[in-house]
């Protein structure tokens, strides 16, 4: 099994920054996609960004230019640097992982492994 643990969430004012981290254990990081999703009450999980083990990254249009995803394959770690945060970014952020040799998916249904989530709250 794969276990994911997120950390780094918190409360900040609009325009502030936060850095989220995720550590995976139980499986090799090789040939994998790791991604960040976020969710607000009453809605499904929204794709934010993803990173493949070869370094390929992708971002949702709503966060381009503000968020940066990075990783450390040797440590099975994933990070999300969030700058210029907006109240609209307020959500429970999840780290997810799937084994893949193809491009990462933005569909949450394709990811079998999830962390417990870390709350991000941005005040106006």
N, C-alpha and C. Protein backbone atom coordinates (compact mmCIF):
# COMPACT_ATOMS: atom_id res chain seq x y z
N UNK A 1 0.82 -1.17 0.00
CA UNK A 1 0.00 0.00 0.00
C UNK A 1 0.88 1.25 0.00
N UNK A 2 0.26 2.35 -0.40
CA UNK A 2 0.93 3.64 -0.42
C UNK A 2 0.28 4.55 0.61
N UNK A 3 1.11 5.23 1.36
CA UNK A 3 0.63 6.18 2.35
C UNK A 3 1.16 7.57 2.01
N UNK A 4 0.29 8.57 2.07
CA UNK A 4 0.66 9.94 1.77
C UNK A 4 0.31 10.82 2.96
N UNK A 5 1.20 11.72 3.28
CA UNK A 5 0.98 12.63 4.40
C UNK A 5 1.29 14.05 3.95
N UNK A 6 0.28 14.94 4.03
CA UNK A 6 0.45 16.34 3.67
C UNK A 6 0.72 17.18 4.92
N UNK A 7 1.36 18.31 4.70
CA UNK A 7 1.59 19.25 5.78
C UNK A 7 1.82 20.63 5.17
N UNK A 8 1.80 21.65 6.01
CA UNK A 8 2.10 23.00 5.56
C UNK A 8 0.91 23.93 5.42
N UNK A 9 -0.30 23.43 5.60
CA UNK A 9 -1.47 24.28 5.50
C UNK A 9 -1.53 25.26 6.65
N UNK A 10 -2.41 26.24 6.50
CA UNK A 10 -2.56 27.24 7.54
C UNK A 10 -3.45 28.37 7.08
N UNK A 11 -3.47 29.43 7.85
CA UNK A 11 -4.28 30.61 7.54
C UNK A 11 -3.38 31.79 7.22
N UNK A 12 -3.66 32.45 6.10
CA UNK A 12 -2.88 33.61 5.68
C UNK A 12 -3.81 34.66 5.11
N UNK A 13 -3.31 35.87 5.00
CA UNK A 13 -4.07 36.94 4.37
C UNK A 13 -3.84 36.92 2.87
N UNK A 14 -4.77 37.48 2.14
CA UNK A 14 -4.63 37.56 0.69
C UNK A 14 -3.30 38.18 0.31
N UNK A 15 -2.65 37.58 -0.68
CA UNK A 15 -1.34 38.05 -1.09
C UNK A 15 -0.20 37.33 -0.42
N UNK A 16 -0.50 36.55 0.58
CA UNK A 16 0.52 35.82 1.30
C UNK A 16 0.93 34.54 0.61
N UNK A 17 1.81 33.79 1.27
CA UNK A 17 2.35 32.56 0.69
C UNK A 17 2.31 31.41 1.68
N UNK A 18 2.22 30.21 1.14
CA UNK A 18 2.31 28.99 1.92
C UNK A 18 3.03 27.95 1.08
N UNK A 19 3.69 27.02 1.74
CA UNK A 19 4.36 25.93 1.05
C UNK A 19 3.85 24.62 1.62
N UNK A 20 3.20 23.84 0.78
CA UNK A 20 2.69 22.55 1.18
C UNK A 20 3.69 21.46 0.83
N UNK A 21 3.70 20.41 1.61
CA UNK A 21 4.57 19.29 1.32
C UNK A 21 3.80 17.99 1.48
N UNK A 22 4.28 16.97 0.80
CA UNK A 22 3.67 15.65 0.83
C UNK A 22 4.77 14.62 0.76
N UNK A 23 4.69 13.63 1.62
CA UNK A 23 5.67 12.55 1.64
C UNK A 23 4.95 11.23 1.45
N UNK A 24 5.43 10.44 0.50
CA UNK A 24 4.85 9.14 0.21
C UNK A 24 5.73 8.04 0.76
N UNK A 25 5.10 6.97 1.21
CA UNK A 25 5.83 5.82 1.71
C UNK A 25 5.13 4.54 1.28
N UNK A 26 5.86 3.45 1.29
CA UNK A 26 5.28 2.17 0.98
C UNK A 26 5.49 1.67 -0.44
N UNK A 27 5.79 2.57 -1.37
CA UNK A 27 6.02 2.22 -2.76
C UNK A 27 7.10 3.12 -3.34
N UNK A 28 7.72 2.65 -4.40
CA UNK A 28 8.74 3.43 -5.08
C UNK A 28 8.11 4.63 -5.79
N UNK A 29 8.84 5.71 -5.88
CA UNK A 29 8.38 6.91 -6.57
C UNK A 29 8.50 6.77 -8.08
N UNK A 30 9.26 5.80 -8.55
CA UNK A 30 9.51 5.65 -9.98
C UNK A 30 8.23 5.39 -10.76
N UNK A 31 8.19 5.92 -11.99
CA UNK A 31 7.06 5.75 -12.91
C UNK A 31 5.74 6.12 -12.24
N UNK A 32 5.71 7.27 -11.63
CA UNK A 32 4.52 7.70 -10.91
C UNK A 32 4.16 9.14 -11.22
N UNK A 33 2.89 9.44 -11.03
CA UNK A 33 2.40 10.80 -11.08
C UNK A 33 1.95 11.18 -9.67
N UNK A 34 2.33 12.33 -9.24
CA UNK A 34 1.85 12.86 -7.98
C UNK A 34 1.21 14.21 -8.26
N UNK A 35 0.11 14.47 -7.58
CA UNK A 35 -0.66 15.66 -7.88
C UNK A 35 -1.25 16.30 -6.64
N UNK A 36 -1.58 17.56 -6.78
CA UNK A 36 -2.31 18.28 -5.75
C UNK A 36 -3.72 18.56 -6.24
N UNK A 37 -4.69 18.26 -5.40
CA UNK A 37 -6.08 18.57 -5.65
C UNK A 37 -6.58 19.41 -4.48
N UNK A 38 -7.67 20.11 -4.68
CA UNK A 38 -8.28 20.86 -3.58
C UNK A 38 -9.78 20.70 -3.64
N UNK A 39 -10.42 20.84 -2.49
CA UNK A 39 -11.84 20.62 -2.40
C UNK A 39 -12.48 21.58 -1.41
N UNK A 40 -13.63 22.11 -1.79
CA UNK A 40 -14.43 22.94 -0.90
C UNK A 40 -15.71 22.18 -0.60
N UNK A 41 -16.38 22.48 0.52
CA UNK A 41 -17.60 21.74 0.88
C UNK A 41 -18.64 21.74 -0.22
N UNK A 42 -19.19 20.56 -0.48
CA UNK A 42 -20.25 20.42 -1.46
C UNK A 42 -19.80 20.25 -2.90
N UNK A 43 -18.49 20.26 -3.14
CA UNK A 43 -17.99 20.11 -4.49
C UNK A 43 -16.94 19.01 -4.57
N UNK A 44 -16.69 18.57 -5.79
CA UNK A 44 -15.70 17.55 -6.01
C UNK A 44 -14.28 18.08 -5.91
N UNK A 45 -13.35 17.17 -5.96
CA UNK A 45 -11.95 17.57 -5.87
C UNK A 45 -11.46 18.15 -7.20
N UNK A 46 -10.87 19.32 -7.11
CA UNK A 46 -10.39 20.06 -8.27
C UNK A 46 -8.88 19.89 -8.43
N UNK A 47 -8.45 19.55 -9.62
CA UNK A 47 -7.04 19.42 -9.90
C UNK A 47 -6.34 20.77 -9.85
N UNK A 48 -5.19 20.80 -9.20
CA UNK A 48 -4.42 22.03 -9.05
C UNK A 48 -3.13 21.96 -9.86
N UNK A 49 -2.36 20.90 -9.67
CA UNK A 49 -1.08 20.74 -10.36
C UNK A 49 -0.62 19.31 -10.22
N UNK A 50 0.26 18.88 -11.10
CA UNK A 50 0.79 17.52 -11.03
C UNK A 50 2.23 17.49 -11.50
N UNK A 51 2.91 16.44 -11.09
CA UNK A 51 4.31 16.25 -11.47
C UNK A 51 4.56 14.77 -11.69
N UNK A 52 5.14 14.45 -12.83
CA UNK A 52 5.54 13.09 -13.12
C UNK A 52 6.97 12.89 -12.64
N UNK A 53 7.35 11.64 -12.41
CA UNK A 53 8.68 11.36 -11.87
C UNK A 53 9.81 11.79 -12.80
N UNK A 54 9.50 12.01 -14.08
CA UNK A 54 10.53 12.50 -14.99
C UNK A 54 10.64 14.03 -14.95
N UNK A 55 9.86 14.67 -14.10
CA UNK A 55 9.92 16.10 -13.94
C UNK A 55 8.85 16.89 -14.67
N UNK A 56 8.09 16.25 -15.52
CA UNK A 56 7.04 16.93 -16.27
C UNK A 56 5.97 17.47 -15.32
N UNK A 57 5.60 18.72 -15.50
CA UNK A 57 4.62 19.35 -14.63
C UNK A 57 3.46 19.94 -15.42
N UNK A 58 2.37 20.15 -14.72
CA UNK A 58 1.20 20.78 -15.32
C UNK A 58 0.43 21.54 -14.26
N UNK A 59 -0.29 22.59 -14.67
CA UNK A 59 -1.01 23.43 -13.74
C UNK A 59 -2.40 23.76 -14.24
N UNK A 60 -3.32 23.92 -13.30
CA UNK A 60 -4.63 24.43 -13.64
C UNK A 60 -4.49 25.90 -14.00
N UNK A 61 -5.33 26.38 -14.91
CA UNK A 61 -5.25 27.76 -15.35
C UNK A 61 -5.40 28.75 -14.19
N UNK A 62 -6.17 28.40 -13.21
CA UNK A 62 -6.43 29.29 -12.10
C UNK A 62 -5.23 29.55 -11.20
N UNK A 63 -4.20 28.70 -11.30
CA UNK A 63 -3.04 28.87 -10.43
C UNK A 63 -1.75 29.13 -11.18
N UNK A 64 -1.78 29.12 -12.49
CA UNK A 64 -0.58 29.37 -13.27
C UNK A 64 0.01 30.73 -12.94
N UNK A 65 1.31 30.75 -12.77
CA UNK A 65 1.99 31.98 -12.44
C UNK A 65 2.05 32.28 -10.96
N UNK A 66 1.27 31.54 -10.16
CA UNK A 66 1.24 31.77 -8.72
C UNK A 66 1.76 30.56 -7.94
N UNK A 67 1.47 29.36 -8.43
CA UNK A 67 1.86 28.14 -7.73
C UNK A 67 2.99 27.44 -8.49
N UNK A 68 3.86 26.77 -7.76
CA UNK A 68 4.93 26.00 -8.36
C UNK A 68 5.01 24.63 -7.69
N UNK A 69 4.92 23.59 -8.49
CA UNK A 69 5.01 22.24 -7.97
C UNK A 69 6.43 21.72 -8.18
N UNK A 70 6.94 21.01 -7.21
CA UNK A 70 8.28 20.45 -7.32
C UNK A 70 8.32 19.14 -6.56
N UNK A 71 9.38 18.38 -6.77
CA UNK A 71 9.47 17.10 -6.09
C UNK A 71 10.89 16.63 -5.92
N UNK A 72 11.03 15.64 -5.09
CA UNK A 72 12.31 15.00 -4.84
C UNK A 72 12.06 13.50 -4.95
N UNK A 73 12.42 12.93 -6.09
CA UNK A 73 12.13 11.51 -6.33
C UNK A 73 12.78 10.60 -5.29
N UNK A 74 14.00 10.91 -4.90
CA UNK A 74 14.71 10.07 -3.94
C UNK A 74 14.01 10.02 -2.59
N UNK A 75 13.32 11.10 -2.25
CA UNK A 75 12.64 11.17 -0.96
C UNK A 75 11.14 10.89 -1.08
N UNK A 76 10.68 10.60 -2.29
CA UNK A 76 9.25 10.40 -2.52
C UNK A 76 8.45 11.57 -1.98
N UNK A 77 8.94 12.76 -2.27
CA UNK A 77 8.33 13.97 -1.73
C UNK A 77 7.78 14.87 -2.84
N UNK A 78 6.76 15.62 -2.50
CA UNK A 78 6.12 16.55 -3.41
C UNK A 78 5.86 17.84 -2.66
N UNK A 79 6.07 18.97 -3.34
CA UNK A 79 5.85 20.27 -2.71
C UNK A 79 5.00 21.15 -3.60
N UNK A 80 4.35 22.11 -2.97
CA UNK A 80 3.57 23.09 -3.71
C UNK A 80 3.81 24.45 -3.07
N UNK A 81 4.56 25.29 -3.77
CA UNK A 81 4.79 26.65 -3.32
C UNK A 81 3.66 27.52 -3.84
N UNK A 82 2.93 28.15 -2.94
CA UNK A 82 1.78 28.96 -3.31
C UNK A 82 2.05 30.41 -2.94
N UNK A 83 2.09 31.26 -3.95
CA UNK A 83 2.30 32.68 -3.75
C UNK A 83 1.08 33.46 -4.21
N UNK A 84 1.00 34.71 -3.80
CA UNK A 84 -0.11 35.59 -4.18
C UNK A 84 -1.45 34.91 -3.95
N UNK A 85 -1.61 34.34 -2.78
CA UNK A 85 -2.83 33.60 -2.47
C UNK A 85 -4.06 34.51 -2.46
N UNK A 86 -5.17 33.94 -2.90
CA UNK A 86 -6.44 34.64 -2.98
C UNK A 86 -7.47 33.93 -2.12
N UNK A 87 -8.50 34.63 -1.67
CA UNK A 87 -9.56 33.97 -0.89
C UNK A 87 -10.16 32.77 -1.64
N UNK A 88 -10.19 32.84 -2.95
CA UNK A 88 -10.72 31.75 -3.76
C UNK A 88 -9.89 30.48 -3.67
N UNK A 89 -8.68 30.58 -3.15
CA UNK A 89 -7.82 29.41 -2.98
C UNK A 89 -8.15 28.63 -1.72
N UNK A 90 -8.99 29.18 -0.87
CA UNK A 90 -9.36 28.50 0.37
C UNK A 90 -9.98 27.15 0.07
N UNK A 91 -9.40 26.10 0.63
CA UNK A 91 -9.87 24.75 0.37
C UNK A 91 -9.05 23.76 1.19
N UNK A 92 -9.51 22.53 1.18
CA UNK A 92 -8.74 21.44 1.76
C UNK A 92 -7.89 20.87 0.63
N UNK A 93 -6.59 20.93 0.78
CA UNK A 93 -5.68 20.47 -0.25
C UNK A 93 -5.24 19.04 0.00
N UNK A 94 -5.28 18.24 -1.05
CA UNK A 94 -4.91 16.84 -0.97
C UNK A 94 -3.74 16.51 -1.89
N UNK A 95 -2.90 15.63 -1.44
CA UNK A 95 -1.85 15.05 -2.25
C UNK A 95 -2.35 13.70 -2.75
N UNK A 96 -2.09 13.39 -4.02
CA UNK A 96 -2.54 12.13 -4.59
C UNK A 96 -1.43 11.50 -5.43
N UNK A 97 -1.51 10.19 -5.60
CA UNK A 97 -0.48 9.48 -6.36
C UNK A 97 -1.08 8.33 -7.15
N UNK A 98 -0.50 8.09 -8.33
CA UNK A 98 -0.85 6.94 -9.13
C UNK A 98 0.37 6.47 -9.91
N UNK A 99 0.43 5.20 -10.22
CA UNK A 99 1.50 4.66 -11.04
C UNK A 99 1.15 4.92 -12.50
N UNK A 100 2.11 5.46 -13.25
CA UNK A 100 1.83 5.78 -14.65
C UNK A 100 3.12 6.03 -15.40
N UNK A 101 3.13 5.62 -16.65
CA UNK A 101 4.24 5.93 -17.55
C UNK A 101 3.79 6.94 -18.59
N UNK A 102 2.57 7.42 -18.46
CA UNK A 102 1.99 8.37 -19.38
C UNK A 102 1.82 9.73 -18.70
N UNK A 103 1.25 10.67 -19.43
CA UNK A 103 1.01 12.00 -18.88
C UNK A 103 0.08 11.91 -17.68
N UNK A 104 0.30 12.76 -16.70
CA UNK A 104 -0.54 12.76 -15.51
C UNK A 104 -1.95 13.22 -15.85
N UNK A 105 -2.90 12.67 -15.13
CA UNK A 105 -4.30 12.98 -15.35
C UNK A 105 -4.78 14.04 -14.37
N UNK A 106 -5.74 14.85 -14.83
CA UNK A 106 -6.36 15.84 -13.97
C UNK A 106 -7.66 15.32 -13.37
N UNK A 107 -7.98 14.08 -13.67
CA UNK A 107 -9.19 13.44 -13.17
C UNK A 107 -8.89 12.76 -11.84
N UNK A 108 -9.54 13.19 -10.78
CA UNK A 108 -9.28 12.62 -9.47
C UNK A 108 -9.57 11.13 -9.40
N UNK A 109 -10.45 10.64 -10.26
CA UNK A 109 -10.82 9.24 -10.25
C UNK A 109 -9.69 8.31 -10.66
N UNK A 110 -8.68 8.84 -11.28
CA UNK A 110 -7.55 8.02 -11.72
C UNK A 110 -6.51 7.82 -10.62
N UNK A 111 -6.65 8.50 -9.51
CA UNK A 111 -5.67 8.41 -8.44
C UNK A 111 -6.19 7.54 -7.30
N UNK A 112 -5.55 6.40 -7.08
CA UNK A 112 -6.02 5.49 -6.02
C UNK A 112 -5.53 5.82 -4.62
N UNK A 113 -4.48 6.63 -4.53
CA UNK A 113 -3.90 6.92 -3.23
C UNK A 113 -3.99 8.39 -2.90
N UNK A 114 -4.44 8.67 -1.67
CA UNK A 114 -4.67 10.05 -1.22
C UNK A 114 -4.19 10.26 0.20
N UNK A 115 -3.77 11.49 0.47
CA UNK A 115 -3.44 11.86 1.82
C UNK A 115 -4.69 12.28 2.56
N UNK A 116 -4.53 12.70 3.79
CA UNK A 116 -5.67 13.07 4.62
C UNK A 116 -6.13 14.50 4.39
N UNK A 117 -5.32 15.30 3.72
CA UNK A 117 -5.67 16.68 3.43
C UNK A 117 -5.08 17.65 4.43
N UNK A 118 -4.80 18.87 3.96
CA UNK A 118 -4.33 19.94 4.83
C UNK A 118 -5.09 21.20 4.45
N UNK A 119 -5.61 21.89 5.44
CA UNK A 119 -6.48 23.04 5.20
C UNK A 119 -5.69 24.30 4.89
N UNK A 120 -6.13 25.00 3.85
CA UNK A 120 -5.57 26.30 3.48
C UNK A 120 -6.70 27.31 3.54
N UNK A 121 -6.52 28.35 4.33
CA UNK A 121 -7.53 29.39 4.46
C UNK A 121 -6.90 30.74 4.17
N UNK A 122 -7.49 31.46 3.22
CA UNK A 122 -6.97 32.76 2.82
C UNK A 122 -8.04 33.81 3.09
N UNK A 123 -7.74 34.76 3.94
CA UNK A 123 -8.69 35.81 4.29
C UNK A 123 -8.50 37.03 3.41
N UNK A 124 -9.58 37.75 3.18
CA UNK A 124 -9.55 38.93 2.34
C UNK A 124 -8.87 40.10 3.03
